[in-house]
């Protein structure tokens, strides 16, 4: 039996988020703001969050700016989202809930 690889619609693929998509950049900005607010509410340092999430401090600092590389919106792994949610003692969906 041969299984054919089906391709997703272009609007569903990550390569359609080329760094210029307003929607993608907007979500990155909202996640960055959410991370800053949560950290400020808990009075904890960026280094604390990064250490307990298992990511480099520099990476977390970039996340709070909404970037991964200069000019590129952040794109954290699912496991990183879960780790950050655990640090803030919230459910992962609460971290990425945008209004």
PDB file of N, CA and C in Angstrom:
ATOM      1  N   UNK A   1       0.836  -1.171   0.000  1.00  0.00           N
ATOM      2  CA  UNK A   1       0.000   0.000   0.000  1.00  0.00           C
ATOM      3  C   UNK A   1       0.887   1.242   0.000  1.00  0.00           C
ATOM      4  N   UNK A   2       0.582   2.179  -0.837  1.00  0.00           N
ATOM      5  CA  UNK A   2       1.337   3.415  -0.943  1.00  0.00           C
ATOM      6  C   UNK A   2       0.534   4.535  -0.288  1.00  0.00           C
ATOM      7  N   UNK A   3       1.187   5.248   0.602  1.00  0.00           N
ATOM      8  CA  UNK A   3       0.535   6.374   1.262  1.00  0.00           C
ATOM      9  C   UNK A   3       1.031   7.637   0.591  1.00  0.00           C
ATOM     10  N   UNK A   4       0.100   8.429   0.103  1.00  0.00           N
ATOM     11  CA  UNK A   4       0.466   9.674  -0.572  1.00  0.00           C
ATOM     12  C   UNK A   4       0.545  10.803   0.447  1.00  0.00           C
ATOM     13  N   UNK A   5       1.538  11.587   0.289  1.00  0.00           N
ATOM     14  CA  UNK A   5       1.697  12.741   1.153  1.00  0.00           C
ATOM     15  C   UNK A   5       0.781  13.847   0.655  1.00  0.00           C
ATOM     16  N   UNK A   6      -0.143  14.269   1.499  1.00  0.00           N
ATOM     17  CA  UNK A   6      -1.053  15.334   1.133  1.00  0.00           C
ATOM     18  C   UNK A   6      -0.475  16.649   1.594  1.00  0.00           C
ATOM     19  N   UNK A   7      -0.597  17.664   0.789  1.00  0.00           N
ATOM     20  CA  UNK A   7      -0.104  18.958   1.231  1.00  0.00           C
ATOM     21  C   UNK A   7      -1.247  19.773   1.806  1.00  0.00           C
ATOM     22  N   UNK A   8      -0.912  20.572   2.786  1.00  0.00           N
ATOM     23  CA  UNK A   8      -1.891  21.430   3.431  1.00  0.00           C
ATOM     24  C   UNK A   8      -2.161  22.649   2.565  1.00  0.00           C
ATOM     25  N   UNK A   9      -3.321  23.265   2.732  1.00  0.00           N
ATOM     26  CA  UNK A   9      -3.549  24.523   2.028  1.00  0.00           C
ATOM     27  C   UNK A   9      -2.471  25.526   2.418  1.00  0.00           C
ATOM     28  N   UNK A  10      -2.058  26.368   1.506  1.00  0.00           N
ATOM     29  CA  UNK A  10      -0.977  27.316   1.757  1.00  0.00           C
ATOM     30  C   UNK A  10      -1.241  28.160   3.004  1.00  0.00           C
ATOM     31  N   UNK A  11      -2.484  28.527   3.251  1.00  0.00           N
ATOM     32  CA  UNK A  11      -2.792  29.363   4.404  1.00  0.00           C
ATOM     33  C   UNK A  11      -2.541  28.653   5.731  1.00  0.00           C
ATOM     34  N   UNK A  12      -2.409  27.306   5.726  1.00  0.00           N
ATOM     35  CA  UNK A  12      -2.164  26.544   6.940  1.00  0.00           C
ATOM     36  C   UNK A  12      -0.694  26.266   7.179  1.00  0.00           C
ATOM     37  N   UNK A  13       0.141  26.457   6.180  1.00  0.00           N
ATOM     38  CA  UNK A  13       1.554  26.089   6.294  1.00  0.00           C
ATOM     39  C   UNK A  13       2.350  27.221   6.932  1.00  0.00           C
ATOM     40  N   UNK A  14       3.374  26.838   7.702  1.00  0.00           N
ATOM     41  CA  UNK A  14       4.228  27.837   8.342  1.00  0.00           C
ATOM     42  C   UNK A  14       4.995  28.664   7.325  1.00  0.00           C
ATOM     43  N   UNK A  15       5.302  28.097   6.157  1.00  0.00           N
ATOM     44  CA  UNK A  15       6.064  28.888   5.189  1.00  0.00           C
ATOM     45  C   UNK A  15       5.240  30.035   4.617  1.00  0.00           C
ATOM     46  N   UNK A  16       3.917  30.023   4.873  1.00  0.00           N
ATOM     47  CA  UNK A  16       3.107  31.149   4.430  1.00  0.00           C
ATOM     48  C   UNK A  16       3.288  32.340   5.366  1.00  0.00           C
ATOM     49  N   UNK A  17       3.838  32.097   6.589  1.00  0.00           N
ATOM     50  CA  UNK A  17       4.166  33.165   7.512  1.00  0.00           C
ATOM     51  C   UNK A  17       5.619  33.542   7.262  1.00  0.00           C
ATOM     52  N   UNK A  18       5.840  34.366   6.298  1.00  0.00           N
ATOM     53  CA  UNK A  18       7.188  34.676   5.855  1.00  0.00           C
ATOM     54  C   UNK A  18       7.845  35.795   6.641  1.00  0.00           C
ATOM     55  N   UNK A  19       7.275  36.167   7.755  1.00  0.00           N
ATOM     56  CA  UNK A  19       7.853  37.245   8.545  1.00  0.00           C
ATOM     57  C   UNK A  19       7.260  38.590   8.194  1.00  0.00           C
ATOM     58  N   UNK A  20       6.471  38.658   7.135  1.00  0.00           N
ATOM     59  CA  UNK A  20       5.857  39.918   6.727  1.00  0.00           C
ATOM     60  C   UNK A  20       4.357  39.901   6.958  1.00  0.00           C
ATOM     61  N   UNK A  21       3.838  38.790   7.400  1.00  0.00           N
ATOM     62  CA  UNK A  21       2.411  38.654   7.634  1.00  0.00           C
ATOM     63  C   UNK A  21       2.007  39.469   8.858  1.00  0.00           C
ATOM     64  N   UNK A  22       1.076  40.367   8.682  1.00  0.00           N
ATOM     65  CA  UNK A  22       0.589  41.183   9.796  1.00  0.00           C
ATOM     66  C   UNK A  22      -0.037  40.320  10.891  1.00  0.00           C
ATOM     67  N   UNK A  23      -0.765  39.294  10.499  1.00  0.00           N
ATOM     68  CA  UNK A  23      -1.402  38.416  11.471  1.00  0.00           C
ATOM     69  C   UNK A  23      -0.351  37.748  12.356  1.00  0.00           C
ATOM     70  N   UNK A  24       0.673  37.177  11.738  1.00  0.00           N
ATOM     71  CA  UNK A  24       1.726  36.481  12.466  1.00  0.00           C
ATOM     72  C   UNK A  24       2.476  37.437  13.382  1.00  0.00           C
ATOM     73  N   UNK A  25       2.818  38.614  12.865  1.00  0.00           N
ATOM     74  CA  UNK A  25       3.523  39.603  13.671  1.00  0.00           C
ATOM     75  C   UNK A  25       2.653  40.083  14.833  1.00  0.00           C
ATOM     76  N   UNK A  26       1.352  40.199  14.592  1.00  0.00           N
ATOM     77  CA  UNK A  26       0.436  40.616  15.654  1.00  0.00           C
ATOM     78  C   UNK A  26       0.381  39.603  16.784  1.00  0.00           C
ATOM     79  N   UNK A  27       0.333  38.314  16.433  1.00  0.00           N
ATOM     80  CA  UNK A  27       0.329  37.278  17.463  1.00  0.00           C
ATOM     81  C   UNK A  27       1.640  37.287  18.242  1.00  0.00           C
ATOM     82  N   UNK A  28       2.739  37.493  17.572  1.00  0.00           N
ATOM     83  CA  UNK A  28       4.042  37.544  18.246  1.00  0.00           C
ATOM     84  C   UNK A  28       4.084  38.712  19.224  1.00  0.00           C
ATOM     85  N   UNK A  29       3.564  39.859  18.819  1.00  0.00           N
ATOM     86  CA  UNK A  29       3.530  41.027  19.711  1.00  0.00           C
ATOM     87  C   UNK A  29       2.643  40.759  20.928  1.00  0.00           C
ATOM     88  N   UNK A  30       1.501  40.123  20.701  1.00  0.00           N
ATOM     89  CA  UNK A  30       0.591  39.839  21.815  1.00  0.00           C
ATOM     90  C   UNK A  30       1.198  38.839  22.795  1.00  0.00           C
ATOM     91  N   UNK A  31       1.875  37.826  22.276  1.00  0.00           N
ATOM     92  CA  UNK A  31       2.523  36.856  23.154  1.00  0.00           C
ATOM     93  C   UNK A  31       3.647  37.530  23.937  1.00  0.00           C
ATOM     94  N   UNK A  32       4.407  38.389  23.287  1.00  0.00           N
ATOM     95  CA  UNK A  32       5.482  39.111  23.969  1.00  0.00           C
ATOM     96  C   UNK A  32       4.925  39.948  25.111  1.00  0.00           C
ATOM     97  N   UNK A  33       3.837  40.659  24.842  1.00  0.00           N
ATOM     98  CA  UNK A  33       3.227  41.491  25.876  1.00  0.00           C
ATOM     99  C   UNK A  33       2.705  40.630  27.022  1.00  0.00           C
ATOM    100  N   UNK A  34       2.106  39.501  26.687  1.00  0.00           N
ATOM    101  CA  UNK A  34       1.573  38.594  27.718  1.00  0.00           C
ATOM    102  C   UNK A  34       2.699  38.088  28.624  1.00  0.00           C
ATOM    103  N   UNK A  35       3.838  37.722  28.023  1.00  0.00           N
ATOM    104  CA  UNK A  35       4.983  37.255  28.812  1.00  0.00           C
ATOM    105  C   UNK A  35       5.476  38.341  29.759  1.00  0.00           C
ATOM    106  N   UNK A  36       5.592  39.570  29.265  1.00  0.00           N
ATOM    107  CA  UNK A  36       6.060  40.684  30.106  1.00  0.00           C
ATOM    108  C   UNK A  36       5.102  40.937  31.267  1.00  0.00           C
ATOM    109  N   UNK A  37       3.798  40.949  30.972  1.00  0.00           N
ATOM    110  CA  UNK A  37       2.804  41.213  32.015  1.00  0.00           C
ATOM    111  C   UNK A  37       2.843  40.124  33.081  1.00  0.00           C
ATOM    112  N   UNK A  38       2.860  38.879  32.662  1.00  0.00           N
ATOM    113  CA  UNK A  38       2.903  37.773  33.623  1.00  0.00           C
ATOM    114  C   UNK A  38       4.143  37.847  34.505  1.00  0.00           C
ATOM    115  N   UNK A  39       5.274  38.159  33.894  1.00  0.00           N
ATOM    116  CA  UNK A  39       6.519  38.235  34.663  1.00  0.00           C
ATOM    117  C   UNK A  39       6.485  39.411  35.633  1.00  0.00           C
ATOM    118  N   UNK A  40       5.995  40.554  35.167  1.00  0.00           N
ATOM    119  CA  UNK A  40       5.898  41.731  36.041  1.00  0.00           C
ATOM    120  C   UNK A  40       4.940  41.495  37.200  1.00  0.00           C
ATOM    121  N   UNK A  41       3.809  40.841  36.933  1.00  0.00           N
ATOM    122  CA  UNK A  41       2.836  40.547  37.989  1.00  0.00           C
ATOM    123  C   UNK A  41       3.435  39.670  39.079  1.00  0.00           C
ATOM    124  N   UNK A  42       4.350  38.811  38.696  1.00  0.00           N
ATOM    125  CA  UNK A  42       4.952  37.878  39.652  1.00  0.00           C
ATOM    126  C   UNK A  42       6.266  38.391  40.239  1.00  0.00           C
ATOM    127  N   UNK A  43       6.700  39.545  39.768  1.00  0.00           N
ATOM    128  CA  UNK A  43       7.934  40.165  40.255  1.00  0.00           C
ATOM    129  C   UNK A  43       9.127  39.215  40.153  1.00  0.00           C
ATOM    130  N   UNK A  44       9.279  38.607  38.979  1.00  0.00           N
ATOM    131  CA  UNK A  44      10.408  37.702  38.765  1.00  0.00           C
ATOM    132  C   UNK A  44      11.252  38.210  37.597  1.00  0.00           C
ATOM    133  N   UNK A  45      12.507  37.835  37.602  1.00  0.00           N
ATOM    134  CA  UNK A  45      13.455  38.278  36.588  1.00  0.00           C
ATOM    135  C   UNK A  45      13.360  37.420  35.323  1.00  0.00           C
ATOM    136  N   UNK A  46      13.789  37.998  34.218  1.00  0.00           N
ATOM    137  CA  UNK A  46      13.845  37.247  32.962  1.00  0.00           C
ATOM    138  C   UNK A  46      14.712  36.010  33.114  1.00  0.00           C
ATOM    139  N   UNK A  47      15.812  36.132  33.840  1.00  0.00           N
ATOM    140  CA  UNK A  47      16.724  35.015  34.035  1.00  0.00           C
ATOM    141  C   UNK A  47      16.039  33.855  34.759  1.00  0.00           C
ATOM    142  N   UNK A  48      15.188  34.186  35.734  1.00  0.00           N
ATOM    143  CA  UNK A  48      14.444  33.160  36.470  1.00  0.00           C
ATOM    144  C   UNK A  48      13.519  32.400  35.531  1.00  0.00           C
ATOM    145  N   UNK A  49      12.761  33.137  34.728  1.00  0.00           N
ATOM    146  CA  UNK A  49      11.823  32.506  33.797  1.00  0.00           C
ATOM    147  C   UNK A  49      12.577  31.612  32.826  1.00  0.00           C
ATOM    148  N   UNK A  50      13.642  32.146  32.245  1.00  0.00           N
ATOM    149  CA  UNK A  50      14.418  31.380  31.262  1.00  0.00           C
ATOM    150  C   UNK A  50      14.995  30.113  31.876  1.00  0.00           C
ATOM    151  N   UNK A  51      15.604  30.231  33.035  1.00  0.00           N
ATOM    152  CA  UNK A  51      16.220  29.077  33.689  1.00  0.00           C
ATOM    153  C   UNK A  51      15.180  27.985  33.952  1.00  0.00           C
ATOM    154  N   UNK A  52      14.058  28.367  34.523  1.00  0.00           N
ATOM    155  CA  UNK A  52      13.039  27.380  34.891  1.00  0.00           C
ATOM    156  C   UNK A  52      12.273  26.836  33.686  1.00  0.00           C
ATOM    157  N   UNK A  53      12.295  27.566  32.575  1.00  0.00           N
ATOM    158  CA  UNK A  53      11.682  27.059  31.337  1.00  0.00           C
ATOM    159  C   UNK A  53      12.676  26.234  30.525  1.00  0.00           C
ATOM    160  N   UNK A  54      13.939  26.271  30.927  1.00  0.00           N
ATOM    161  CA  UNK A  54      14.958  25.486  30.227  1.00  0.00           C
ATOM    162  C   UNK A  54      15.396  26.086  28.900  1.00  0.00           C
ATOM    163  N   UNK A  55      15.363  27.415  28.818  1.00  0.00           N
ATOM    164  CA  UNK A  55      15.801  28.088  27.593  1.00  0.00           C
ATOM    165  C   UNK A  55      16.854  29.134  27.952  1.00  0.00           C
ATOM    166  N   UNK A  56      17.691  29.510  26.991  1.00  0.00           N
ATOM    167  CA  UNK A  56      18.682  30.553  27.280  1.00  0.00           C
ATOM    168  C   UNK A  56      18.011  31.889  27.612  1.00  0.00           C
ATOM    169  N   UNK A  57      18.634  32.639  28.498  1.00  0.00           N
ATOM    170  CA  UNK A  57      18.109  33.956  28.868  1.00  0.00           C
ATOM    171  C   UNK A  57      17.963  34.842  27.637  1.00  0.00           C
ATOM    172  N   UNK A  58      18.947  34.820  26.748  1.00  0.00           N
ATOM    173  CA  UNK A  58      18.898  35.631  25.534  1.00  0.00           C
ATOM    174  C   UNK A  58      17.658  35.304  24.713  1.00  0.00           C
ATOM    175  N   UNK A  59      17.314  34.033  24.621  1.00  0.00           N
ATOM    176  CA  UNK A  59      16.122  33.615  23.871  1.00  0.00           C
ATOM    177  C   UNK A  59      14.871  34.182  24.521  1.00  0.00           C
ATOM    178  N   UNK A  60      14.786  34.077  25.842  1.00  0.00           N
ATOM    179  CA  UNK A  60      13.612  34.611  26.528  1.00  0.00           C
ATOM    180  C   UNK A  60      13.524  36.123  26.352  1.00  0.00           C
ATOM    181  N   UNK A  61      14.654  36.805  26.427  1.00  0.00           N
ATOM    182  CA  UNK A  61      14.654  38.255  26.227  1.00  0.00           C
ATOM    183  C   UNK A  61      14.114  38.607  24.844  1.00  0.00           C
ATOM    184  N   UNK A  62      14.500  37.831  23.853  1.00  0.00           N
ATOM    185  CA  UNK A  62      13.992  38.055  22.496  1.00  0.00           C
ATOM    186  C   UNK A  62      12.489  37.787  22.445  1.00  0.00           C
ATOM    187  N   UNK A  63      12.019  36.763  23.161  1.00  0.00           N
ATOM    188  CA  UNK A  63      10.586  36.474  23.197  1.00  0.00           C
ATOM    189  C   UNK A  63       9.811  37.667  23.737  1.00  0.00           C
ATOM    190  N   UNK A  64      10.329  38.314  24.776  1.00  0.00           N
ATOM    191  CA  UNK A  64       9.627  39.471  25.333  1.00  0.00           C
ATOM    192  C   UNK A  64       9.635  40.657  24.376  1.00  0.00           C
ATOM    193  N   UNK A  65      10.484  40.619  23.378  1.00  0.00           N
ATOM    194  CA  UNK A  65      10.481  41.637  22.327  1.00  0.00           C
ATOM    195  C   UNK A  65       9.625  41.197  21.140  1.00  0.00           C
ATOM    196  N   UNK A  66       9.165  39.944  21.178  1.00  0.00           N
ATOM    197  CA  UNK A  66       8.342  39.426  20.088  1.00  0.00           C
ATOM    198  C   UNK A  66       9.151  38.958  18.896  1.00  0.00           C
ATOM    199  N   UNK A  67      10.443  38.711  19.102  1.00  0.00           N
ATOM    200  CA  UNK A  67      11.343  38.329  18.016  1.00  0.00           C
ATOM    201  C   UNK A  67      12.016  36.994  18.311  1.00  0.00           C
ATOM    202  N   UNK A  68      12.512  36.374  17.242  1.00  0.00           N
ATOM    203  CA  UNK A  68      13.438  35.261  17.434  1.00  0.00           C
ATOM    204  C   UNK A  68      14.789  35.696  16.891  1.00  0.00           C
ATOM    205  N   UNK A  69      14.805  36.273  15.722  1.00  0.00           N
ATOM    206  CA  UNK A  69      15.979  36.921  15.133  1.00  0.00           C
ATOM    207  C   UNK A  69      15.571  38.350  14.831  1.00  0.00           C
ATOM    208  N   UNK A  70      16.522  39.269  14.715  1.00  0.00           N
ATOM    209  CA  UNK A  70      16.137  40.652  14.422  1.00  0.00           C
ATOM    210  C   UNK A  70      15.218  40.734  13.194  1.00  0.00           C
ATOM    211  N   UNK A  71      14.055  41.348  13.403  1.00  0.00           N
ATOM    212  CA  UNK A  71      13.112  41.524  12.315  1.00  0.00           C
ATOM    213  C   UNK A  71      12.255  40.319  11.995  1.00  0.00           C
ATOM    214  N   UNK A  72      12.423  39.233  12.758  1.00  0.00           N
ATOM    215  CA  UNK A  72      11.661  38.000  12.531  1.00  0.00           C
ATOM    216  C   UNK A  72      10.780  37.732  13.751  1.00  0.00           C
ATOM    217  N   UNK A  73       9.470  37.586  13.563  1.00  0.00           N
ATOM    218  CA  UNK A  73       8.600  37.312  14.712  1.00  0.00           C
ATOM    219  C   UNK A  73       8.983  36.020  15.415  1.00  0.00           C
ATOM    220  N   UNK A  74       8.791  36.000  16.722  1.00  0.00           N
ATOM    221  CA  UNK A  74       9.121  34.793  17.492  1.00  0.00           C
ATOM    222  C   UNK A  74       8.285  33.619  17.015  1.00  0.00           C
ATOM    223  N   UNK A  75       8.856  32.437  17.178  1.00  0.00           N
ATOM    224  CA  UNK A  75       8.188  31.210  16.778  1.00  0.00           C
ATOM    225  C   UNK A  75       8.600  30.102  17.747  1.00  0.00           C
ATOM    226  N   UNK A  76       8.123  30.207  19.029  1.00  0.00           N
ATOM    227  CA  UNK A  76       8.550  29.213  20.016  1.00  0.00           C
ATOM    228  C   UNK A  76       7.971  27.836  19.731  1.00  0.00           C
ATOM    229  N   UNK A  77       8.721  26.821  20.115  1.00  0.00           N
ATOM    230  CA  UNK A  77       8.245  25.440  20.002  1.00  0.00           C
ATOM    231  C   UNK A  77       7.087  25.237  20.972  1.00  0.00           C
ATOM    232  N   UNK A  78       6.270  24.240  20.685  1.00  0.00           N
ATOM    233  CA  UNK A  78       5.154  23.915  21.564  1.00  0.00           C
ATOM    234  C   UNK A  78       5.667  23.553  22.955  1.00  0.00           C
ATOM    235  N   UNK A  79       6.768  22.820  23.015  1.00  0.00           N
ATOM    236  CA  UNK A  79       7.328  22.437  24.313  1.00  0.00           C
ATOM    237  C   UNK A  79       7.770  23.666  25.108  1.00  0.00           C
ATOM    238  N   UNK A  80       8.216  24.712  24.428  1.00  0.00           N
ATOM    239  CA  UNK A  80       8.615  25.943  25.102  1.00  0.00           C
ATOM    240  C   UNK A  80       7.393  26.669  25.645  1.00  0.00           C
ATOM    241  N   UNK A  81       6.313  26.679  24.886  1.00  0.00           N
ATOM    242  CA  UNK A  81       5.062  27.287  25.361  1.00  0.00           C
ATOM    243  C   UNK A  81       4.612  26.590  26.653  1.00  0.00           C
ATOM    244  N   UNK A  82       4.668  25.272  26.647  1.00  0.00           N
ATOM    245  CA  UNK A  82       4.261  24.504  27.834  1.00  0.00           C
ATOM    246  C   UNK A  82       5.182  24.818  29.010  1.00  0.00           C
ATOM    247  N   UNK A  83       6.488  24.847  28.770  1.00  0.00           N
ATOM    248  CA  UNK A  83       7.445  25.135  29.842  1.00  0.00           C
ATOM    249  C   UNK A  83       7.224  26.535  30.418  1.00  0.00           C
ATOM    250  N   UNK A  84       6.983  27.517  29.557  1.00  0.00           N
ATOM    251  CA  UNK A  84       6.736  28.876  30.038  1.00  0.00           C
ATOM    252  C   UNK A  84       5.443  28.932  30.852  1.00  0.00           C
ATOM    253  N   UNK A  85       4.417  28.256  30.387  1.00  0.00           N
ATOM    254  CA  UNK A  85       3.154  28.214  31.134  1.00  0.00           C
ATOM    255  C   UNK A  85       3.368  27.604  32.514  1.00  0.00           C
ATOM    256  N   UNK A  86       4.188  26.566  32.594  1.00  0.00           N
ATOM    257  CA  UNK A  86       4.473  25.934  33.890  1.00  0.00           C
ATOM    258  C   UNK A  86       5.189  26.904  34.821  1.00  0.00           C
ATOM    259  N   UNK A  87       6.125  27.685  34.289  1.00  0.00           N
ATOM    260  CA  UNK A  87       6.832  28.668  35.114  1.00  0.00           C
ATOM    261  C   UNK A  87       5.833  29.670  35.695  1.00  0.00           C
ATOM    262  N   UNK A  88       4.894  30.117  34.863  1.00  0.00           N
ATOM    263  CA  UNK A  88       3.912  31.106  35.311  1.00  0.00           C
ATOM    264  C   UNK A  88       2.716  30.487  36.032  1.00  0.00           C
ATOM    265  N   UNK A  89       2.730  29.153  36.142  1.00  0.00           N
ATOM    266  CA  UNK A  89       1.669  28.410  36.829  1.00  0.00           C
ATOM    267  C   UNK A  89       0.297  28.692  36.222  1.00  0.00           C
ATOM    268  N   UNK A  90       0.243  28.624  34.891  1.00  0.00           N
ATOM    269  CA  UNK A  90      -1.010  28.770  34.160  1.00  0.00           C
ATOM    270  C   UNK A  90      -1.093  27.645  33.135  1.00  0.00           C
ATOM    271  N   UNK A  91      -2.247  27.472  32.550  1.00  0.00           N
ATOM    272  CA  UNK A  91      -2.419  26.493  31.488  1.00  0.00           C
ATOM    273  C   UNK A  91      -1.827  27.047  30.192  1.00  0.00           C
ATOM    274  N   UNK A  92      -1.270  26.207  29.335  1.00  0.00           N
ATOM    275  CA  UNK A  92      -0.681  26.699  28.083  1.00  0.00           C
ATOM    276  C   UNK A  92      -1.643  27.544  27.245  1.00  0.00           C
ATOM    277  N   UNK A  93      -2.917  27.160  27.210  1.00  0.00           N
ATOM    278  CA  UNK A  93      -3.863  27.923  26.403  1.00  0.00           C
ATOM    279  C   UNK A  93      -4.041  29.338  26.948  1.00  0.00           C
ATOM    280  N   UNK A  94      -3.835  29.530  28.260  1.00  0.00           N
ATOM    281  CA  UNK A  94      -3.953  30.867  28.835  1.00  0.00           C
ATOM    282  C   UNK A  94      -2.813  31.776  28.372  1.00  0.00           C
ATOM    283  N   UNK A  95      -1.684  31.177  28.072  1.00  0.00           N
ATOM    284  CA  UNK A  95      -0.542  31.954  27.605  1.00  0.00           C
ATOM    285  C   UNK A  95      -0.757  32.464  26.190  1.00  0.00           C
ATOM    286  N   UNK A  96      -1.413  31.664  25.374  1.00  0.00           N
ATOM    287  CA  UNK A  96      -1.569  32.050  23.970  1.00  0.00           C
ATOM    288  C   UNK A  96      -2.993  32.488  23.632  1.00  0.00           C
ATOM    289  N   UNK A  97      -3.786  32.767  24.633  1.00  0.00           N
ATOM    290  CA  UNK A  97      -5.142  33.272  24.409  1.00  0.00           C
ATOM    291  C   UNK A  97      -5.049  34.761  24.046  1.00  0.00           C
ATOM    292  N   UNK A  98      -5.505  35.090  22.869  1.00  0.00           N
ATOM    293  CA  UNK A  98      -5.448  36.473  22.404  1.00  0.00           C
ATOM    294  C   UNK A  98      -6.865  36.991  22.204  1.00  0.00           C
ATOM    295  N   UNK A  99      -7.080  38.230  22.577  1.00  0.00           N
ATOM    296  CA  UNK A  99      -8.417  38.811  22.468  1.00  0.00           C
ATOM    297  C   UNK A  99      -8.461  39.884  21.414  1.00  0.00           C
TER     298      UNK A  99
END
